Amino acid sequence: MPVAPASLLHSARRFRVAAVLLLVAVLAPPARAATASKKFMLEKNRPVSLELSAAQVRVEQVLFEFPASVLRIETASKARVTVVNGAAGKVRVGLALALFDGEGNLVAAGTGGNKGGQVAPGEKVEFSVFFYYVTEQLPTATSFQITLEAK
């Protein structure tokens, strides 16, 4: 019976190891994001300090700019959200903001976060969340709900 060359056995062993690693990667559950959500009173054009955190990532403050401006030209209304990563590792951040009038009706909503890259440990980052399209009732907003997702 012929004996297989050592290089062929080595290649077969590497293939088996790679196949097992691929199987583990495919079957491993995806990393779950930590989320937190809370409702606050809205103050227009003034910073609002917040106590909201998920997985040691915290929202420090929100500043609503109605309307926002760039080089003194009015642009879409937005919220500037300051986030601090208190975790030991890098994180991806997702934000959702919903604005409500005094009767609890939803008047605007927006999302933001990392489009690419991550927030490093100890880093403080400001995200802009824009309110496009549905803006007619923005002046009636009295409260907001913010959701933070850290992954």
C-alpha atoms as a PDB file:
ATOM      1  CA  MET A   1       0.000   0.000   0.000  1.00  0.00           C
ATOM      2  CA  PRO A   2       1.522   3.354  -0.986  1.00  0.00           C
ATOM      3  CA  VAL A   3       2.192   5.962   1.734  1.00  0.00           C
ATOM      4  CA  ALA A   4       0.945   9.545   1.231  1.00  0.00           C
ATOM      5  CA  PRO A   5       3.657  12.190   1.121  1.00  0.00           C
ATOM      6  CA  ALA A   6       4.052  14.288   4.297  1.00  0.00           C
ATOM      7  CA  SER A   7       3.112  17.497   2.463  1.00  0.00           C
ATOM      8  CA  LEU A   8      -0.235  15.974   1.432  1.00  0.00           C
ATOM      9  CA  LEU A   9      -1.002  14.957   5.024  1.00  0.00           C
ATOM     10  CA  HIS A  10      -0.040  18.425   6.249  1.00  0.00           C
ATOM     11  CA  SER A  11      -2.355  20.063   3.665  1.00  0.00           C
ATOM     12  CA  ALA A  12      -5.250  17.795   4.664  1.00  0.00           C
ATOM     13  CA  ARG A  13      -4.745  18.659   8.333  1.00  0.00           C
ATOM     14  CA  ARG A  14      -4.729  22.397   7.558  1.00  0.00           C
ATOM     15  CA  PHE A  15      -7.907  21.981   5.514  1.00  0.00           C
ATOM     16  CA  ARG A  16      -9.663  20.216   8.431  1.00  0.00           C
ATOM     17  CA  VAL A  17      -8.594  22.969  10.867  1.00  0.00           C
ATOM     18  CA  ALA A  18      -9.815  25.685   8.484  1.00  0.00           C
ATOM     19  CA  ALA A  19     -13.123  23.836   7.994  1.00  0.00           C
ATOM     20  CA  VAL A  20     -13.679  23.585  11.771  1.00  0.00           C
ATOM     21  CA  LEU A  21     -12.860  27.280  12.271  1.00  0.00           C
ATOM     22  CA  LEU A  22     -15.259  28.252   9.475  1.00  0.00           C
ATOM     23  CA  LEU A  23     -17.995  26.092  10.983  1.00  0.00           C
ATOM     24  CA  VAL A  24     -17.486  27.702  14.413  1.00  0.00           C
ATOM     25  CA  ALA A  25     -17.614  31.202  12.874  1.00  0.00           C
ATOM     26  CA  VAL A  26     -20.822  30.439  10.994  1.00  0.00           C
ATOM     27  CA  LEU A  27     -22.585  28.775  13.928  1.00  0.00           C
ATOM     28  CA  ALA A  28     -21.439  31.216  16.621  1.00  0.00           C
ATOM     29  CA  PRO A  29     -24.206  33.588  17.713  1.00  0.00           C
ATOM     30  CA  PRO A  30     -23.685  37.190  16.612  1.00  0.00           C
ATOM     31  CA  ALA A  31     -22.569  39.691  19.232  1.00  0.00           C
ATOM     32  CA  ARG A  32     -25.620  41.240  20.863  1.00  0.00           C
ATOM     33  CA  ALA A  33     -25.919  44.970  21.203  1.00  0.00           C
ATOM     34  CA  ALA A  34     -26.660  46.568  24.551  1.00  0.00           C
ATOM     35  CA  THR A  35     -29.504  49.085  24.393  1.00  0.00           C
ATOM     36  CA  ALA A  36     -31.004  51.705  26.666  1.00  0.00           C
ATOM     37  CA  SER A  37     -33.914  54.052  26.051  1.00  0.00           C
ATOM     38  CA  LYS A  38     -35.438  56.887  28.057  1.00  0.00           C
ATOM     39  CA  LYS A  39     -37.766  59.857  27.643  1.00  0.00           C
ATOM     40  CA  PHE A  40     -36.727  63.433  28.551  1.00  0.00           C
ATOM     41  CA  MET A  41     -38.093  66.961  28.360  1.00  0.00           C
ATOM     42  CA  LEU A  42     -36.887  68.823  25.274  1.00  0.00           C
ATOM     43  CA  GLU A  43     -35.127  72.185  25.433  1.00  0.00           C
ATOM     44  CA  LYS A  44     -34.554  73.817  22.070  1.00  0.00           C
ATOM     45  CA  ASN A  45     -31.162  75.342  21.284  1.00  0.00           C
ATOM     46  CA  ARG A  46     -29.809  74.551  24.785  1.00  0.00           C
ATOM     47  CA  PRO A  47     -27.786  71.504  25.888  1.00  0.00           C
ATOM     48  CA  VAL A  48     -29.709  68.881  27.852  1.00  0.00           C
ATOM     49  CA  SER A  49     -27.599  66.736  30.209  1.00  0.00           C
ATOM     50  CA  LEU A  50     -28.659  63.088  30.205  1.00  0.00           C
ATOM     51  CA  GLU A  51     -28.169  59.978  32.290  1.00  0.00           C
ATOM     52  CA  LEU A  52     -28.433  57.168  29.780  1.00  0.00           C
ATOM     53  CA  SER A  53     -25.958  54.327  29.318  1.00  0.00           C
ATOM     54  CA  ALA A  54     -25.643  50.887  27.755  1.00  0.00           C
ATOM     55  CA  ALA A  55     -22.608  48.604  28.215  1.00  0.00           C
ATOM     56  CA  GLN A  56     -20.505  51.406  29.766  1.00  0.00           C
ATOM     57  CA  VAL A  57     -21.237  53.693  26.814  1.00  0.00           C
ATOM     58  CA  ARG A  58     -23.145  56.784  27.874  1.00  0.00           C
ATOM     59  CA  VAL A  59     -24.962  59.677  26.288  1.00  0.00           C
ATOM     60  CA  GLU A  60     -23.652  62.779  28.014  1.00  0.00           C
ATOM     61  CA  GLN A  61     -25.819  65.470  26.439  1.00  0.00           C
ATOM     62  CA  VAL A  62     -28.095  66.400  23.569  1.00  0.00           C
ATOM     63  CA  LEU A  63     -28.342  69.801  21.907  1.00  0.00           C
ATOM     64  CA  PHE A  64     -31.340  70.328  19.619  1.00  0.00           C
ATOM     65  CA  GLU A  65     -30.776  72.912  16.882  1.00  0.00           C
ATOM     66  CA  PHE A  66     -34.038  74.066  15.280  1.00  0.00           C
ATOM     67  CA  PRO A  67     -33.160  74.973  12.583  1.00  0.00           C
ATOM     68  CA  ALA A  68     -29.480  74.128  12.273  1.00  0.00           C
ATOM     69  CA  SER A  69     -27.143  76.274  10.209  1.00  0.00           C
ATOM     70  CA  VAL A  70     -23.868  75.908   8.368  1.00  0.00           C
ATOM     71  CA  LEU A  71     -21.961  79.104   7.573  1.00  0.00           C
ATOM     72  CA  ARG A  72     -25.127  81.028   8.561  1.00  0.00           C
ATOM     73  CA  ILE A  73     -27.211  79.157   5.987  1.00  0.00           C
ATOM     74  CA  GLU A  74     -30.210  77.301   7.422  1.00  0.00           C
ATOM     75  CA  THR A  75     -30.079  73.539   7.026  1.00  0.00           C
ATOM     76  CA  ALA A  76     -32.171  70.663   8.336  1.00  0.00           C
ATOM     77  CA  SER A  77     -32.980  70.637  12.029  1.00  0.00           C
ATOM     78  CA  LYS A  78     -30.759  68.322  14.026  1.00  0.00           C
ATOM     79  CA  ALA A  79     -29.693  67.076  17.419  1.00  0.00           C
ATOM     80  CA  ARG A  80     -26.028  66.978  18.391  1.00  0.00           C
ATOM     81  CA  VAL A  81     -25.543  63.987  20.698  1.00  0.00           C
ATOM     82  CA  THR A  82     -22.373  63.628  22.784  1.00  0.00           C
ATOM     83  CA  VAL A  83     -21.428  60.011  23.563  1.00  0.00           C
ATOM     84  CA  VAL A  84     -18.588  58.780  25.794  1.00  0.00           C
ATOM     85  CA  ASN A  85     -17.158  55.265  25.558  1.00  0.00           C
ATOM     86  CA  GLY A  86     -16.357  54.109  29.097  1.00  0.00           C
ATOM     87  CA  ALA A  87     -15.895  50.496  27.981  1.00  0.00           C
ATOM     88  CA  ALA A  88     -12.536  48.735  27.772  1.00  0.00           C
ATOM     89  CA  GLY A  89     -12.855  48.078  24.026  1.00  0.00           C
ATOM     90  CA  LYS A  90     -13.980  49.836  20.863  1.00  0.00           C
ATOM     91  CA  VAL A  91     -17.723  50.083  20.233  1.00  0.00           C
ATOM     92  CA  ARG A  92     -20.132  50.921  17.439  1.00  0.00           C
ATOM     93  CA  VAL A  93     -22.840  53.366  18.430  1.00  0.00           C
ATOM     94  CA  GLY A  94     -26.374  53.663  17.110  1.00  0.00           C
ATOM     95  CA  LEU A  95     -28.815  56.394  18.121  1.00  0.00           C
ATOM     96  CA  ALA A  96     -32.527  56.913  17.557  1.00  0.00           C
ATOM     97  CA  LEU A  97     -34.443  60.031  18.573  1.00  0.00           C
ATOM     98  CA  ALA A  98     -38.202  60.506  18.533  1.00  0.00           C
ATOM     99  CA  LEU A  99     -39.788  63.895  19.294  1.00  0.00           C
ATOM    100  CA  PHE A 100     -43.274  64.268  20.762  1.00  0.00           C
ATOM    101  CA  ASP A 101     -45.683  67.176  21.247  1.00  0.00           C
ATOM    102  CA  GLY A 102     -47.457  67.949  24.526  1.00  0.00           C
ATOM    103  CA  GLU A 103     -50.206  65.435  23.746  1.00  0.00           C
ATOM    104  CA  GLY A 104     -47.733  62.592  23.097  1.00  0.00           C
ATOM    105  CA  ASN A 105     -48.001  62.667  19.300  1.00  0.00           C
ATOM    106  CA  LEU A 106     -44.873  61.803  17.353  1.00  0.00           C
ATOM    107  CA  VAL A 107     -43.785  64.921  15.414  1.00  0.00           C
ATOM    108  CA  ALA A 108     -40.296  63.949  14.142  1.00  0.00           C
ATOM    109  CA  ALA A 109     -37.720  61.160  14.244  1.00  0.00           C
ATOM    110  CA  GLY A 110     -34.106  60.623  13.238  1.00  0.00           C
ATOM    111  CA  THR A 111     -31.264  58.134  13.523  1.00  0.00           C
ATOM    112  CA  GLY A 112     -27.477  58.353  13.585  1.00  0.00           C
ATOM    113  CA  GLY A 113     -24.287  56.713  14.781  1.00  0.00           C
ATOM    114  CA  ASN A 114     -21.119  55.171  13.386  1.00  0.00           C
ATOM    115  CA  LYS A 115     -21.258  54.800   9.639  1.00  0.00           C
ATOM    116  CA  GLY A 116     -17.774  53.338   9.640  1.00  0.00           C
ATOM    117  CA  GLY A 117     -15.196  52.815  12.318  1.00  0.00           C
ATOM    118  CA  GLN A 118     -15.697  52.599  16.046  1.00  0.00           C
ATOM    119  CA  VAL A 119     -15.461  54.747  19.171  1.00  0.00           C
ATOM    120  CA  ALA A 120     -12.223  54.038  21.054  1.00  0.00           C
ATOM    121  CA  PRO A 121     -12.125  53.446  24.831  1.00  0.00           C
ATOM    122  CA  GLY A 122     -12.335  56.761  26.719  1.00  0.00           C
ATOM    123  CA  GLU A 123     -13.183  58.678  23.540  1.00  0.00           C
ATOM    124  CA  LYS A 124     -15.897  61.358  23.479  1.00  0.00           C
ATOM    125  CA  VAL A 125     -17.687  61.714  20.124  1.00  0.00           C
ATOM    126  CA  GLU A 126     -20.428  64.021  18.903  1.00  0.00           C
ATOM    127  CA  PHE A 127     -22.981  62.539  16.502  1.00  0.00           C
ATOM    128  CA  SER A 128     -25.464  64.555  14.443  1.00  0.00           C
ATOM    129  CA  VAL A 129     -28.982  63.185  14.153  1.00  0.00           C
ATOM    130  CA  PHE A 130     -30.932  65.005  11.439  1.00  0.00           C
ATOM    131  CA  PHE A 131     -34.686  65.422  11.231  1.00  0.00           C
ATOM    132  CA  TYR A 132     -35.510  65.316   7.533  1.00  0.00           C
ATOM    133  CA  TYR A 133     -38.799  65.356   5.640  1.00  0.00           C
ATOM    134  CA  VAL A 134     -41.352  65.368   8.496  1.00  0.00           C
ATOM    135  CA  THR A 135     -40.625  68.729  10.112  1.00  0.00           C
ATOM    136  CA  GLU A 136     -43.804  70.831  10.018  1.00  0.00           C
ATOM    137  CA  GLN A 137     -44.665  70.160  13.681  1.00  0.00           C
ATOM    138  CA  LEU A 138     -41.106  70.396  15.091  1.00  0.00           C
ATOM    139  CA  PRO A 139     -41.884  73.695  16.873  1.00  0.00           C
ATOM    140  CA  THR A 140     -44.539  71.862  18.947  1.00  0.00           C
ATOM    141  CA  ALA A 141     -42.075  69.256  20.310  1.00  0.00           C
ATOM    142  CA  THR A 142     -41.912  69.238  24.117  1.00  0.00           C
ATOM    143  CA  SER A 143     -40.269  65.889  24.862  1.00  0.00           C
ATOM    144  CA  PHE A 144     -38.049  63.319  23.231  1.00  0.00           C
ATOM    145  CA  GLN A 145     -37.151  59.667  23.580  1.00  0.00           C
ATOM    146  CA  ILE A 146     -33.599  58.581  22.861  1.00  0.00           C
ATOM    147  CA  THR A 147     -32.373  55.050  22.309  1.00  0.00           C
ATOM    148  CA  LEU A 148     -28.673  54.188  22.529  1.00  0.00           C
ATOM    149  CA  GLU A 149     -27.305  50.985  21.047  1.00  0.00           C
ATOM    150  CA  ALA A 150     -23.710  49.960  21.794  1.00  0.00           C
ATOM    151  CA  LYS A 151     -22.124  46.958  20.096  1.00  0.00           C
END
